[in-house]
PDB file of N, CA and C in Angstrom:
ATOM      1  N   MET A   1     -10.890 -35.091  28.851  1.00  0.00           N
ATOM      2  CA  MET A   1      -9.838 -35.338  27.890  1.00  0.00           C
ATOM      3  C   MET A   1      -9.694 -34.085  27.023  1.00  0.00           C
ATOM      4  N   ARG A   2      -8.465 -33.719  26.724  1.00  0.00           N
ATOM      5  CA  ARG A   2      -8.179 -32.620  25.793  1.00  0.00           C
ATOM      6  C   ARG A   2      -8.026 -33.232  24.402  1.00  0.00           C
ATOM      7  N   ILE A   3      -8.867 -32.784  23.471  1.00  0.00           N
ATOM      8  CA  ILE A   3      -8.984 -33.415  22.157  1.00  0.00           C
ATOM      9  C   ILE A   3      -8.791 -32.380  21.060  1.00  0.00           C
ATOM     10  N   LEU A   4      -8.150 -32.815  19.969  1.00  0.00           N
ATOM     11  CA  LEU A   4      -8.113 -32.055  18.726  1.00  0.00           C
ATOM     12  C   LEU A   4      -8.737 -32.941  17.657  1.00  0.00           C
ATOM     13  N   THR A   5      -9.867 -32.492  17.090  1.00  0.00           N
ATOM     14  CA  THR A   5     -10.517 -33.285  16.050  1.00  0.00           C
ATOM     15  C   THR A   5     -10.014 -32.853  14.687  1.00  0.00           C
ATOM     16  N   ASP A   6      -9.779 -33.838  13.856  1.00  0.00           N
ATOM     17  CA  ASP A   6      -9.364 -33.625  12.475  1.00  0.00           C
ATOM     18  C   ASP A   6     -10.596 -33.230  11.664  1.00  0.00           C
ATOM     19  N   GLU A   7     -10.373 -32.694  10.482  1.00  0.00           N
ATOM     20  CA  GLU A   7     -11.502 -32.251   9.659  1.00  0.00           C
ATOM     21  C   GLU A   7     -12.367 -33.401   9.163  1.00  0.00           C
ATOM     22  N   THR A   8     -11.941 -34.633   9.372  1.00  0.00           N
ATOM     23  CA  THR A   8     -12.743 -35.789   8.999  1.00  0.00           C
ATOM     24  C   THR A   8     -13.837 -36.089  10.022  1.00  0.00           C
ATOM     25  N   VAL A   9     -13.811 -35.393  11.148  1.00  0.00           N
ATOM     26  CA  VAL A   9     -14.772 -35.622  12.223  1.00  0.00           C
ATOM     27  C   VAL A   9     -15.945 -34.652  12.072  1.00  0.00           C
ATOM     28  N   ALA A  10     -17.159 -35.188  12.120  1.00  0.00           N
ATOM     29  CA  ALA A  10     -18.374 -34.388  11.916  1.00  0.00           C
ATOM     30  C   ALA A  10     -18.619 -33.420  13.070  1.00  0.00           C
ATOM     31  N   ASN A  11     -19.288 -32.332  12.746  1.00  0.00           N
ATOM     32  CA  ASN A  11     -19.643 -31.339  13.769  1.00  0.00           C
ATOM     33  C   ASN A  11     -20.505 -31.938  14.872  1.00  0.00           C
ATOM     34  N   SER A  12     -21.363 -32.897  14.538  1.00  0.00           N
ATOM     35  CA  SER A  12     -22.195 -33.525  15.569  1.00  0.00           C
ATOM     36  C   SER A  12     -21.347 -34.326  16.558  1.00  0.00           C
ATOM     37  N   THR A  13     -20.249 -34.883  16.096  1.00  0.00           N
ATOM     38  CA  THR A  13     -19.347 -35.618  16.981  1.00  0.00           C
ATOM     39  C   THR A  13     -18.625 -34.656  17.911  1.00  0.00           C
ATOM     40  N   ILE A  14     -18.216 -33.518  17.388  1.00  0.00           N
ATOM     41  CA  ILE A  14     -17.573 -32.497  18.212  1.00  0.00           C
ATOM     42  C   ILE A  14     -18.540 -32.027  19.299  1.00  0.00           C
ATOM     43  N   ALA A  15     -19.780 -31.770  18.907  1.00  0.00           N
ATOM     44  CA  ALA A  15     -20.796 -31.337  19.875  1.00  0.00           C
ATOM     45  C   ALA A  15     -21.030 -32.406  20.940  1.00  0.00           C
ATOM     46  N   LEU A  16     -21.075 -33.672  20.533  1.00  0.00           N
ATOM     47  CA  LEU A  16     -21.269 -34.767  21.488  1.00  0.00           C
ATOM     48  C   LEU A  16     -20.121 -34.823  22.488  1.00  0.00           C
ATOM     49  N   LEU A  17     -18.898 -34.746  22.002  1.00  0.00           N
ATOM     50  CA  LEU A  17     -17.740 -34.804  22.898  1.00  0.00           C
ATOM     51  C   LEU A  17     -17.757 -33.640  23.891  1.00  0.00           C
ATOM     52  N   ARG A  18     -18.121 -32.464  23.416  1.00  0.00           N
ATOM     53  CA  ARG A  18     -18.221 -31.303  24.318  1.00  0.00           C
ATOM     54  C   ARG A  18     -19.328 -31.514  25.338  1.00  0.00           C
ATOM     55  N   HIS A  19     -20.453 -32.066  24.901  1.00  0.00           N
ATOM     56  CA  HIS A  19     -21.561 -32.351  25.810  1.00  0.00           C
ATOM     57  C   HIS A  19     -21.134 -33.337  26.898  1.00  0.00           C
ATOM     58  N   LEU A  20     -20.261 -34.268  26.551  1.00  0.00           N
ATOM     59  CA  LEU A  20     -19.760 -35.247  27.515  1.00  0.00           C
ATOM     60  C   LEU A  20     -18.688 -34.662  28.435  1.00  0.00           C
ATOM     61  N   GLY A  21     -18.370 -33.378  28.241  1.00  0.00           N
ATOM     62  CA  GLY A  21     -17.455 -32.692  29.160  1.00  0.00           C
ATOM     63  C   GLY A  21     -16.011 -32.618  28.718  1.00  0.00           C
ATOM     64  N   HIS A  22     -15.716 -32.962  27.475  1.00  0.00           N
ATOM     65  CA  HIS A  22     -14.343 -32.935  26.991  1.00  0.00           C
ATOM     66  C   HIS A  22     -13.994 -31.562  26.411  1.00  0.00           C
ATOM     67  N   ASP A  23     -12.733 -31.200  26.525  1.00  0.00           N
ATOM     68  CA  ASP A  23     -12.208 -29.945  25.982  1.00  0.00           C
ATOM     69  C   ASP A  23     -11.803 -30.229  24.535  1.00  0.00           C
ATOM     70  N   VAL A  24     -12.637 -29.791  23.592  1.00  0.00           N
ATOM     71  CA  VAL A  24     -12.435 -30.139  22.182  1.00  0.00           C
ATOM     72  C   VAL A  24     -12.106 -28.906  21.354  1.00  0.00           C
ATOM     73  N   ALA A  25     -10.997 -28.984  20.630  1.00  0.00           N
ATOM     74  CA  ALA A  25     -10.662 -28.003  19.597  1.00  0.00           C
ATOM     75  C   ALA A  25     -10.761 -28.744  18.266  1.00  0.00           C
ATOM     76  N   ASP A  26     -11.196 -28.033  17.247  1.00  0.00           N
ATOM     77  CA  ASP A  26     -11.326 -28.634  15.926  1.00  0.00           C
ATOM     78  C   ASP A  26     -10.387 -27.911  14.970  1.00  0.00           C
ATOM     79  N   VAL A  27      -9.745 -28.629  14.067  1.00  0.00           N
ATOM     80  CA  VAL A  27      -8.778 -28.003  13.158  1.00  0.00           C
ATOM     81  C   VAL A  27      -9.417 -26.897  12.324  1.00  0.00           C
ATOM     82  N   ARG A  28     -10.689 -27.044  11.976  1.00  0.00           N
ATOM     83  CA  ARG A  28     -11.359 -26.003  11.184  1.00  0.00           C
ATOM     84  C   ARG A  28     -11.559 -24.738  12.006  1.00  0.00           C
ATOM     85  N   GLU A  29     -11.820 -24.892  13.290  1.00  0.00           N
ATOM     86  CA  GLU A  29     -12.044 -23.748  14.172  1.00  0.00           C
ATOM     87  C   GLU A  29     -10.764 -22.981  14.478  1.00  0.00           C
ATOM     88  N   VAL A  30      -9.636 -23.672  14.432  1.00  0.00           N
ATOM     89  CA  VAL A  30      -8.356 -23.005  14.746  1.00  0.00           C
ATOM     90  C   VAL A  30      -7.576 -22.633  13.492  1.00  0.00           C
ATOM     91  N   GLY A  31      -8.217 -22.727  12.326  1.00  0.00           N
ATOM     92  CA  GLY A  31      -7.588 -22.289  11.087  1.00  0.00           C
ATOM     93  C   GLY A  31      -6.648 -23.281  10.443  1.00  0.00           C
ATOM     94  N   LEU A  32      -6.756 -24.557  10.786  1.00  0.00           N
ATOM     95  CA  LEU A  32      -5.879 -25.573  10.189  1.00  0.00           C
ATOM     96  C   LEU A  32      -6.625 -26.521   9.246  1.00  0.00           C
ATOM     97  N   GLY A  33      -7.831 -26.164   8.841  1.00  0.00           N
ATOM     98  CA  GLY A  33      -8.550 -27.001   7.878  1.00  0.00           C
ATOM     99  C   GLY A  33      -7.728 -27.166   6.618  1.00  0.00           C
ATOM    100  N   GLY A  34      -7.576 -28.388   6.138  1.00  0.00           N
ATOM    101  CA  GLY A  34      -6.793 -28.655   4.939  1.00  0.00           C
ATOM    102  C   GLY A  34      -5.305 -28.751   5.174  1.00  0.00           C
ATOM    103  N   SER A  35      -4.875 -28.649   6.423  1.00  0.00           N
ATOM    104  CA  SER A  35      -3.440 -28.706   6.735  1.00  0.00           C
ATOM    105  C   SER A  35      -2.906 -30.133   6.702  1.00  0.00           C
ATOM    106  N   ALA A  36      -1.609 -30.226   6.587  1.00  0.00           N
ATOM    107  CA  ALA A  36      -0.936 -31.529   6.593  1.00  0.00           C
ATOM    108  C   ALA A  36      -1.076 -32.178   7.968  1.00  0.00           C
ATOM    109  N   ASP A  37      -1.107 -33.508   7.972  1.00  0.00           N
ATOM    110  CA  ASP A  37      -1.222 -34.248   9.228  1.00  0.00           C
ATOM    111  C   ASP A  37      -0.105 -33.876  10.207  1.00  0.00           C
ATOM    112  N   GLU A  38       1.082 -33.617   9.684  1.00  0.00           N
ATOM    113  CA  GLU A  38       2.206 -33.252  10.556  1.00  0.00           C
ATOM    114  C   GLU A  38       1.943 -31.942  11.294  1.00  0.00           C
ATOM    115  N   ASP A  39       1.290 -30.994  10.632  1.00  0.00           N
ATOM    116  CA  ASP A  39       0.936 -29.725  11.285  1.00  0.00           C
ATOM    117  C   ASP A  39      -0.121 -29.937  12.362  1.00  0.00           C
ATOM    118  N   ILE A  40      -1.053 -30.818  12.085  1.00  0.00           N
ATOM    119  CA  ILE A  40      -2.090 -31.141  13.062  1.00  0.00           C
ATOM    120  C   ILE A  40      -1.471 -31.829  14.270  1.00  0.00           C
ATOM    121  N   ALA A  41      -0.571 -32.767  14.018  1.00  0.00           N
ATOM    122  CA  ALA A  41       0.106 -33.465  15.122  1.00  0.00           C
ATOM    123  C   ALA A  41       0.935 -32.494  15.956  1.00  0.00           C
ATOM    124  N   ALA A  42       1.586 -31.542  15.307  1.00  0.00           N
ATOM    125  CA  ALA A  42       2.401 -30.558  16.033  1.00  0.00           C
ATOM    126  C   ALA A  42       1.526 -29.690  16.936  1.00  0.00           C
ATOM    127  N   LEU A  43       0.372 -29.255  16.439  1.00  0.00           N
ATOM    128  CA  LEU A  43      -0.542 -28.463  17.266  1.00  0.00           C
ATOM    129  C   LEU A  43      -1.050 -29.291  18.441  1.00  0.00           C
ATOM    130  N   ALA A  44      -1.442 -30.526  18.163  1.00  0.00           N
ATOM    131  CA  ALA A  44      -1.932 -31.401  19.233  1.00  0.00           C
ATOM    132  C   ALA A  44      -0.864 -31.586  20.309  1.00  0.00           C
ATOM    133  N   LYS A  45       0.363 -31.769  19.894  1.00  0.00           N
ATOM    134  CA  LYS A  45       1.452 -31.944  20.859  1.00  0.00           C
ATOM    135  C   LYS A  45       1.670 -30.669  21.669  1.00  0.00           C
ATOM    136  N   SER A  46       1.683 -29.515  21.004  1.00  0.00           N
ATOM    137  CA  SER A  46       1.945 -28.259  21.719  1.00  0.00           C
ATOM    138  C   SER A  46       0.826 -27.923  22.705  1.00  0.00           C
ATOM    139  N   GLU A  47      -0.403 -28.367  22.415  1.00  0.00           N
ATOM    140  CA  GLU A  47      -1.531 -28.102  23.303  1.00  0.00           C
ATOM    141  C   GLU A  47      -1.888 -29.300  24.175  1.00  0.00           C
ATOM    142  N   ARG A  48      -1.089 -30.365  24.073  1.00  0.00           N
ATOM    143  CA  ARG A  48      -1.290 -31.590  24.871  1.00  0.00           C
ATOM    144  C   ARG A  48      -2.706 -32.149  24.670  1.00  0.00           C
ATOM    145  N   ARG A  49      -3.040 -32.332  23.384  1.00  0.00           N
ATOM    146  CA  ARG A  49      -4.353 -32.862  23.005  1.00  0.00           C
ATOM    147  C   ARG A  49      -4.190 -34.197  22.277  1.00  0.00           C
ATOM    148  N   VAL A  50      -5.183 -35.048  22.410  1.00  0.00           N
ATOM    149  CA  VAL A  50      -5.262 -36.306  21.679  1.00  0.00           C
ATOM    150  C   VAL A  50      -6.011 -36.036  20.379  1.00  0.00           C
ATOM    151  N   VAL A  51      -5.476 -36.503  19.268  1.00  0.00           N
ATOM    152  CA  VAL A  51      -6.110 -36.325  17.965  1.00  0.00           C
ATOM    153  C   VAL A  51      -7.176 -37.401  17.778  1.00  0.00           C
ATOM    154  N   ILE A  52      -8.345 -36.989  17.314  1.00  0.00           N
ATOM    155  CA  ILE A  52      -9.382 -37.943  16.901  1.00  0.00           C
ATOM    156  C   ILE A  52      -9.603 -37.732  15.409  1.00  0.00           C
ATOM    157  N   THR A  53      -9.537 -38.835  14.649  1.00  0.00           N
ATOM    158  CA  THR A  53      -9.589 -38.746  13.195  1.00  0.00           C
ATOM    159  C   THR A  53     -10.084 -40.045  12.573  1.00  0.00           C
ATOM    160  N   HIS A  54     -10.569 -39.942  11.354  1.00  0.00           N
ATOM    161  CA  HIS A  54     -10.866 -41.116  10.525  1.00  0.00           C
ATOM    162  C   HIS A  54      -9.666 -41.418   9.613  1.00  0.00           C
ATOM    163  N   ASP A  55      -8.666 -40.576   9.635  1.00  0.00           N
ATOM    164  CA  ASP A  55      -7.490 -40.673   8.760  1.00  0.00           C
ATOM    165  C   ASP A  55      -6.516 -41.728   9.295  1.00  0.00           C
ATOM    166  N   LYS A  56      -6.401 -42.838   8.568  1.00  0.00           N
ATOM    167  CA  LYS A  56      -5.539 -43.922   9.055  1.00  0.00           C
ATOM    168  C   LYS A  56      -4.062 -43.552   9.050  1.00  0.00           C
ATOM    169  N   GLY A  57      -3.694 -42.436   8.427  1.00  0.00           N
ATOM    170  CA  GLY A  57      -2.299 -41.985   8.439  1.00  0.00           C
ATOM    171  C   GLY A  57      -1.764 -41.770   9.837  1.00  0.00           C
ATOM    172  N   PHE A  58      -2.616 -41.361  10.769  1.00  0.00           N
ATOM    173  CA  PHE A  58      -2.167 -41.157  12.148  1.00  0.00           C
ATOM    174  C   PHE A  58      -1.822 -42.475  12.834  1.00  0.00           C
ATOM    175  N   GLY A  59      -2.250 -43.583  12.265  1.00  0.00           N
ATOM    176  CA  GLY A  59      -1.916 -44.890  12.811  1.00  0.00           C
ATOM    177  C   GLY A  59      -0.597 -45.440  12.307  1.00  0.00           C
ATOM    178  N   ASP A  60       0.070 -44.719  11.424  1.00  0.00           N
ATOM    179  CA  ASP A  60       1.342 -45.154  10.846  1.00  0.00           C
ATOM    180  C   ASP A  60       2.484 -44.781  11.790  1.00  0.00           C
ATOM    181  N   LEU A  61       3.021 -45.772  12.504  1.00  0.00           N
ATOM    182  CA  LEU A  61       4.066 -45.515  13.499  1.00  0.00           C
ATOM    183  C   LEU A  61       5.401 -45.140  12.868  1.00  0.00           C
ATOM    184  N   LEU A  62       5.594 -45.414  11.587  1.00  0.00           N
ATOM    185  CA  LEU A  62       6.818 -44.969  10.917  1.00  0.00           C
ATOM    186  C   LEU A  62       6.735 -43.485  10.584  1.00  0.00           C
ATOM    187  N   ARG A  63       5.546 -43.039  10.245  1.00  0.00           N
ATOM    188  CA  ARG A  63       5.338 -41.627   9.921  1.00  0.00           C
ATOM    189  C   ARG A  63       5.231 -40.770  11.183  1.00  0.00           C
ATOM    190  N   PHE A  64       4.519 -41.284  12.183  1.00  0.00           N
ATOM    191  CA  PHE A  64       4.341 -40.574  13.450  1.00  0.00           C
ATOM    192  C   PHE A  64       4.965 -41.399  14.564  1.00  0.00           C
ATOM    193  N   GLU A  65       6.235 -41.185  14.759  1.00  0.00           N
ATOM    194  CA  GLU A  65       6.975 -41.926  15.773  1.00  0.00           C
ATOM    195  C   GLU A  65       6.486 -41.545  17.166  1.00  0.00           C
ATOM    196  N   PRO A  66       6.683 -42.428  18.143  1.00  0.00           N
ATOM    197  CA  PRO A  66       6.331 -42.075  19.518  1.00  0.00           C
ATOM    198  C   PRO A  66       6.961 -40.735  19.914  1.00  0.00           C
ATOM    199  N   GLY A  67       6.147 -39.890  20.520  1.00  0.00           N
ATOM    200  CA  GLY A  67       6.602 -38.563  20.915  1.00  0.00           C
ATOM    201  C   GLY A  67       6.280 -37.470  19.916  1.00  0.00           C
ATOM    202  N   SER A  68       5.843 -37.850  18.699  1.00  0.00           N
ATOM    203  CA  SER A  68       5.526 -36.832  17.692  1.00  0.00           C
ATOM    204  C   SER A  68       4.153 -36.205  17.935  1.00  0.00           C
ATOM    205  N   HIS A  69       3.336 -36.855  18.758  1.00  0.00           N
ATOM    206  CA  HIS A  69       2.052 -36.288  19.191  1.00  0.00           C
ATOM    207  C   HIS A  69       1.704 -36.906  20.532  1.00  0.00           C
ATOM    208  N   CYS A  70       0.637 -36.437  21.147  1.00  0.00           N
ATOM    209  CA  CYS A  70       0.276 -36.883  22.507  1.00  0.00           C
ATOM    210  C   CYS A  70      -0.686 -38.059  22.536  1.00  0.00           C
ATOM    211  N   GLY A  71      -1.016 -38.571  21.378  1.00  0.00           N
ATOM    212  CA  GLY A  71      -1.937 -39.695  21.306  1.00  0.00           C
ATOM    213  C   GLY A  71      -2.911 -39.489  20.163  1.00  0.00           C
ATOM    214  N   ALA A  72      -3.481 -40.590  19.698  1.00  0.00           N
ATOM    215  CA  ALA A  72      -4.441 -40.511  18.598  1.00  0.00           C
ATOM    216  C   ALA A  72      -5.475 -41.617  18.749  1.00  0.00           C
ATOM    217  N   ILE A  73      -6.699 -41.257  18.434  1.00  0.00           N
ATOM    218  CA  ILE A  73      -7.785 -42.226  18.314  1.00  0.00           C
ATOM    219  C   ILE A  73      -8.165 -42.237  16.836  1.00  0.00           C
ATOM    220  N   VAL A  74      -7.867 -43.352  16.177  1.00  0.00           N
ATOM    221  CA  VAL A  74      -8.153 -43.495  14.751  1.00  0.00           C
ATOM    222  C   VAL A  74      -9.426 -44.321  14.625  1.00  0.00           C
ATOM    223  N   LEU A  75     -10.436 -43.714  14.035  1.00  0.00           N
ATOM    224  CA  LEU A  75     -11.738 -44.361  13.867  1.00  0.00           C
ATOM    225  C   LEU A  75     -11.739 -45.183  12.587  1.00  0.00           C
ATOM    226  N   ARG A  76     -11.905 -46.488  12.709  1.00  0.00           N
ATOM    227  CA  ARG A  76     -11.911 -47.397  11.560  1.00  0.00           C
ATOM    228  C   ARG A  76     -13.270 -48.090  11.512  1.00  0.00           C
ATOM    229  N   LEU A  77     -14.261 -47.385  11.031  1.00  0.00           N
ATOM    230  CA  LEU A  77     -15.623 -47.897  10.986  1.00  0.00           C
ATOM    231  C   LEU A  77     -15.984 -48.372   9.584  1.00  0.00           C
ATOM    232  N   ARG A  78     -16.792 -49.432   9.497  1.00  0.00           N
ATOM    233  CA  ARG A  78     -17.221 -49.921   8.183  1.00  0.00           C
ATOM    234  C   ARG A  78     -18.020 -48.856   7.448  1.00  0.00           C
ATOM    235  N   LEU A  79     -18.956 -48.217   8.141  1.00  0.00           N
ATOM    236  CA  LEU A  79     -19.735 -47.111   7.591  1.00  0.00           C
ATOM    237  C   LEU A  79     -19.510 -45.910   8.505  1.00  0.00           C
ATOM    238  N   PRO A  80     -18.576 -45.046   8.148  1.00  0.00           N
ATOM    239  CA  PRO A  80     -18.202 -43.951   9.058  1.00  0.00           C
ATOM    240  C   PRO A  80     -19.177 -42.765   9.038  1.00  0.00           C
ATOM    241  N   THR A  81     -20.446 -43.060   9.228  1.00  0.00           N
ATOM    242  CA  THR A  81     -21.445 -41.990   9.298  1.00  0.00           C
ATOM    243  C   THR A  81     -21.317 -41.279  10.642  1.00  0.00           C
ATOM    244  N   PRO A  82     -21.804 -40.050  10.740  1.00  0.00           N
ATOM    245  CA  PRO A  82     -21.771 -39.367  12.041  1.00  0.00           C
ATOM    246  C   PRO A  82     -22.477 -40.157  13.140  1.00  0.00           C
ATOM    247  N   ASP A  83     -23.621 -40.774  12.843  1.00  0.00           N
ATOM    248  CA  ASP A  83     -24.334 -41.538  13.867  1.00  0.00           C
ATOM    249  C   ASP A  83     -23.517 -42.737  14.351  1.00  0.00           C
ATOM    250  N   ALA A  84     -22.905 -43.471  13.427  1.00  0.00           N
ATOM    251  CA  ALA A  84     -22.082 -44.616  13.805  1.00  0.00           C
ATOM    252  C   ALA A  84     -20.857 -44.157  14.595  1.00  0.00           C
ATOM    253  N   THR A  85     -20.238 -43.083  14.143  1.00  0.00           N
ATOM    254  CA  THR A  85     -19.075 -42.538  14.848  1.00  0.00           C
ATOM    255  C   THR A  85     -19.453 -42.125  16.255  1.00  0.00           C
ATOM    256  N   ASN A  86     -20.565 -41.410  16.396  1.00  0.00           N
ATOM    257  CA  ASN A  86     -20.993 -40.948  17.716  1.00  0.00           C
ATOM    258  C   ASN A  86     -21.270 -42.109  18.664  1.00  0.00           C
ATOM    259  N   ALA A  87     -21.895 -43.163  18.157  1.00  0.00           N
ATOM    260  CA  ALA A  87     -22.205 -44.320  18.997  1.00  0.00           C
ATOM    261  C   ALA A  87     -20.931 -44.990  19.496  1.00  0.00           C
ATOM    262  N   VAL A  88     -20.008 -45.261  18.587  1.00  0.00           N
ATOM    263  CA  VAL A  88     -18.776 -45.961  18.949  1.00  0.00           C
ATOM    264  C   VAL A  88     -17.901 -45.091  19.854  1.00  0.00           C
ATOM    265  N   LEU A  89     -17.762 -43.835  19.506  1.00  0.00           N
ATOM    266  CA  LEU A  89     -16.892 -42.935  20.265  1.00  0.00           C
ATOM    267  C   LEU A  89     -17.451 -42.650  21.655  1.00  0.00           C
ATOM    268  N   SER A  90     -18.756 -42.440  21.769  1.00  0.00           N
ATOM    269  CA  SER A  90     -19.322 -42.167  23.093  1.00  0.00           C
ATOM    270  C   SER A  90     -19.194 -43.384  24.002  1.00  0.00           C
ATOM    271  N   THR A  91     -19.396 -44.585  23.461  1.00  0.00           N
ATOM    272  CA  THR A  91     -19.209 -45.801  24.260  1.00  0.00           C
ATOM    273  C   THR A  91     -17.775 -45.892  24.758  1.00  0.00           C
ATOM    274  N   PHE A  92     -16.822 -45.609  23.878  1.00  0.00           N
ATOM    275  CA  PHE A  92     -15.410 -45.685  24.252  1.00  0.00           C
ATOM    276  C   PHE A  92     -15.059 -44.656  25.322  1.00  0.00           C
ATOM    277  N   VAL A  93     -15.348 -43.378  25.078  1.00  0.00           N
ATOM    278  CA  VAL A  93     -14.903 -42.345  26.028  1.00  0.00           C
ATOM    279  C   VAL A  93     -15.607 -42.460  27.372  1.00  0.00           C
ATOM    280  N   CYS A  94     -16.797 -43.050  27.393  1.00  0.00           N
ATOM    281  CA  CYS A  94     -17.496 -43.231  28.666  1.00  0.00           C
ATOM    282  C   CYS A  94     -17.027 -44.476  29.421  1.00  0.00           C
ATOM    283  N   SER A  95     -16.229 -45.323  28.773  1.00  0.00           N
ATOM    284  CA  SER A  95     -15.807 -46.570  29.415  1.00  0.00           C
ATOM    285  C   SER A  95     -14.339 -46.581  29.845  1.00  0.00           C
ATOM    286  N   VAL A  96     -13.600 -45.539  29.522  1.00  0.00           N
ATOM    287  CA  VAL A  96     -12.182 -45.482  29.909  1.00  0.00           C
ATOM    288  C   VAL A  96     -11.940 -44.202  30.709  1.00  0.00           C
ATOM    289  N   PRO A  97     -10.891 -44.183  31.533  1.00  0.00           N
ATOM    290  CA  PRO A  97     -10.557 -42.950  32.250  1.00  0.00           C
ATOM    291  C   PRO A  97     -10.212 -41.825  31.266  1.00  0.00           C
ATOM    292  N   ASP A  98     -10.441 -40.578  31.677  1.00  0.00           N
ATOM    293  CA  ASP A  98     -10.198 -39.426  30.799  1.00  0.00           C
ATOM    294  C   ASP A  98      -8.784 -39.382  30.238  1.00  0.00           C
ATOM    295  N   ASP A  99      -7.807 -39.846  30.986  1.00  0.00           N
ATOM    296  CA  ASP A  99      -6.413 -39.767  30.526  1.00  0.00           C
ATOM    297  C   ASP A  99      -5.950 -41.031  29.800  1.00  0.00           C
ATOM    298  N   TYR A 100      -6.854 -41.987  29.556  1.00  0.00           N
ATOM    299  CA  TYR A 100      -6.455 -43.258  28.958  1.00  0.00           C
ATOM    300  C   TYR A 100      -5.796 -43.091  27.592  1.00  0.00           C
ATOM    301  N   ALA A 101      -6.352 -42.240  26.740  1.00  0.00           N
ATOM    302  CA  ALA A 101      -5.852 -42.107  25.366  1.00  0.00           C
ATOM    303  C   ALA A 101      -4.559 -41.309  25.281  1.00  0.00           C
ATOM    304  N   PHE A 102      -4.231 -40.559  26.321  1.00  0.00           N
ATOM    305  CA  PHE A 102      -3.031 -39.735  26.280  1.00  0.00           C
ATOM    306  C   PHE A 102      -1.796 -40.638  26.192  1.00  0.00           C
ATOM    307  N   GLY A 103      -0.962 -40.406  25.168  1.00  0.00           N
ATOM    308  CA  GLY A 103       0.248 -41.204  24.993  1.00  0.00           C
ATOM    309  C   GLY A 103       0.014 -42.567  24.364  1.00  0.00           C
ATOM    310  N   ARG A 104      -1.152 -42.748  23.750  1.00  0.00           N
ATOM    311  CA  ARG A 104      -1.472 -44.034  23.131  1.00  0.00           C
ATOM    312  C   ARG A 104      -1.972 -43.835  21.699  1.00  0.00           C
ATOM    313  N   LEU A 105      -1.801 -44.869  20.915  1.00  0.00           N
ATOM    314  CA  LEU A 105      -2.450 -44.971  19.610  1.00  0.00           C
ATOM    315  C   LEU A 105      -3.589 -45.956  19.807  1.00  0.00           C
ATOM    316  N   ILE A 106      -4.798 -45.500  19.535  1.00  0.00           N
ATOM    317  CA  ILE A 106      -5.987 -46.333  19.707  1.00  0.00           C
ATOM    318  C   ILE A 106      -6.680 -46.460  18.357  1.00  0.00           C
ATOM    319  N   ILE A 107      -6.908 -47.701  17.953  1.00  0.00           N
ATOM    320  CA  ILE A 107      -7.675 -47.977  16.744  1.00  0.00           C
ATOM    321  C   ILE A 107      -9.051 -48.420  17.234  1.00  0.00           C
ATOM    322  N   LEU A 108     -10.067 -47.635  16.883  1.00  0.00           N
ATOM    323  CA  LEU A 108     -11.411 -47.840  17.414  1.00  0.00           C
ATOM    324  C   LEU A 108     -12.358 -48.264  16.295  1.00  0.00           C
ATOM    325  N   SER A 109     -13.071 -49.354  16.509  1.00  0.00           N
ATOM    326  CA  SER A 109     -14.037 -49.841  15.516  1.00  0.00           C
ATOM    327  C   SER A 109     -15.316 -50.255  16.228  1.00  0.00           C
ATOM    328  N   GLU A 110     -16.282 -50.746  15.448  1.00  0.00           N
ATOM    329  CA  GLU A 110     -17.536 -51.217  16.023  1.00  0.00           C
ATOM    330  C   GLU A 110     -17.320 -52.417  16.947  1.00  0.00           C
ATOM    331  N   ARG A 111     -16.266 -53.171  16.716  1.00  0.00           N
ATOM    332  CA  ARG A 111     -15.994 -54.381  17.506  1.00  0.00           C
ATOM    333  C   ARG A 111     -15.204 -54.119  18.776  1.00  0.00           C
ATOM    334  N   GLY A 112     -14.726 -52.896  18.968  1.00  0.00           N
ATOM    335  CA  GLY A 112     -13.925 -52.591  20.147  1.00  0.00           C
ATOM    336  C   GLY A 112     -12.732 -51.742  19.759  1.00  0.00           C
ATOM    337  N   PHE A 113     -11.649 -51.881  20.540  1.00  0.00           N
ATOM    338  CA  PHE A 113     -10.468 -51.081  20.241  1.00  0.00           C
ATOM    339  C   PHE A 113      -9.192 -51.842  20.537  1.00  0.00           C
ATOM    340  N   ARG A 114      -8.146 -51.410  19.853  1.00  0.00           N
ATOM    341  CA  ARG A 114      -6.783 -51.872  20.122  1.00  0.00           C
ATOM    342  C   ARG A 114      -6.015 -50.648  20.588  1.00  0.00           C
ATOM    343  N   SER A 115      -5.109 -50.853  21.505  1.00  0.00           N
ATOM    344  CA  SER A 115      -4.361 -49.734  22.068  1.00  0.00           C
ATOM    345  C   SER A 115      -2.886 -50.089  22.141  1.00  0.00           C
ATOM    346  N   ARG A 116      -2.076 -49.094  21.825  1.00  0.00           N
ATOM    347  CA  ARG A 116      -0.619 -49.271  21.885  1.00  0.00           C
ATOM    348  C   ARG A 116      -0.022 -48.036  22.531  1.00  0.00           C
ATOM    349  N   LYS A 117       0.768 -48.242  23.553  1.00  0.00           N
ATOM    350  CA  LYS A 117       1.450 -47.144  24.223  1.00  0.00           C
ATOM    351  C   LYS A 117       2.502 -46.586  23.298  1.00  0.00           C
ATOM    352  N   LEU A 118       2.562 -45.265  23.169  1.00  0.00           N
ATOM    353  CA  LEU A 118       3.554 -44.629  22.305  1.00  0.00           C
ATOM    354  C   LEU A 118       4.835 -44.337  23.060  1.00  0.00           C
TER     355      LEU A 118
END
């Protein structure tokens, strides 16, 4: 999966995703730390990457209409620690095909996930 992680995602999560074989770019590494969500979505779209974030703004379909990005995984954890994030995210990415998140909005929590085609 081609992924763009938002600055809300811990470095250990980025390392885990890379270890699992995913192509991960991070907004801090590409000079977009502190940028507006719209700029992050535009980069993700231009590079055909799925955004992974704890920012629920990416789940707002009025703000990010279908086609404004290539997909998003919004992490909605009760305690969004790096360890909890890594556990939930690794279970998810190992249980779905690599292209599953592309073109979808996925809300991921400890209880599972909801998915909506964009």
